[in-house]
């Protein structure tokens, strides 16, 4: 079967469709974050750090299976210029299922050793089996979802994902209230996967029809492996939390870390939206270097301005918000949430840069960066925990994250001359705003010795004054000006919408 060429689209059309998809997924993300906040408020009162720790350690093995069961083959199909044929999608679909079956069998066989190694008890073995079998809920949706993403049909995807998020929140809270403990988190995720699978298959036009062809697998495997290895390595790097923290400090410490990261990583949902929209859009702009560079620069500027002005205020409010909304049992996680929030800004920025790397045909460069970052996290992170305990994790993560952003931006800037100066555009705002936030955090307790609420308010005021002063320093990139442009852009889009026609006027 001959491949049919993809419908031609100009750079302007691709960016317009991608922008629409970004707004739709962003709206879904806002709704999902509302659900996430509701879920966190309830679950933080119903569950304990040990429950989050047990689930975090058990789910780690299953999370690796998601990457091992794909090998990046679907991303290779998205990137190719022509529309995938039936034989290509059929071949990749059944490869996913075969690989997932191997991963599931391996995890189930190793489950007793995993639970014994962390002293989780024999009761954790069925949870490992359940989460492993749940990998099929991910593998079965990859190709139908790919078909929708390639068409930039993000409104349909957003509706499906919102439905599955609602179902997960209701299920998890209900089971936690019934006393299921860590099983509430596990079963909530499985129910979400099942509902999402049904929604995606119902919405997608793709069905498993065609012929299995080994030559298709051989042709796509090169880019697929290079594309999938970085997230796989990143997932293995993330394993230092359950592996190192679990062994050195116990599963309750793992629970505090996982809970803090889940709370701090809320802005990363925006990164997921941008990356999902950006990858197919960047792939369509491969032959337009200037359009590629302009789209990437604009995305990074707007993302940086929003995150770097909003997240520091949240960091200052964390000591007040955590005990008030989630209870005093989570007070040991306050410092972690603050540091993780800053690290998440870096992770969000590097996610967009990595997407540009992959779309530009440089997945092996991305892999080299991820391997280096992984080695740094394991080495520096382990030393920091041994030396300072849990408090050492935050600074170590920010240092490694900043280095990753710096190197990745430098590599992306080499893609074409239009990206000259990208490193400064990405790194300078984070460093200067980070220093501003550090100054506000150090000064507030000295100005107000008692009362965390008063300290937070004073810190926010100092931060605002210092940001205003930074905007007037020579050589700094204006963040407030970029924020004003974003607001003007949104107002212009709203004004451009056609007014509804009244029945009386027709």
Foldseek 3Di string as FASTA:
>chain_A
DDFAFDPDDDLVRLVVLLVVLLVLLVVLLVLLVVLVLVLLLLCLVLAALLLLLLLVLLCLLLVLLLLQLQLQLLVLQLLDRTHDDLQLLLQRLVSSVVRLVVSLVVQLVCLVVSCVVLVVDPVSSVLSNLSSVLSVLVSNLSSLVSQCLSVSVNNLLSVLLSVLSVQLSVQLSVVSVVPPRSVSNSVSVSSSSVSSSVSSVVPGPDDNDDHHDVVSCVVSNVLSNLQSLLVSLVSVLVCCLCVQCCVPPNSSSSSLLVSLLVVLLSVCSSLVSSLSSVLSSLSSCLVPVLSNQVVLLLVLLLLCLVLLVPLLLVLLCQCVPCCVSSNPSNNVSSLVNSLSNLLSSLVSSVSSLQSNCSSNPNSNVSNVLSVVLSVQCNVQVSVQCVVPNPNSNRVSSNVSSLVSLLVSLVVSCVSDVSSPPSSCSNNVSSVQSVVQSVVLLVVLCVVPVDDSVSSSVSSSVSSVVSLVVVCPDPPGDHSVVSVVVVVVVVVVVVVPDDDDDDPVVD
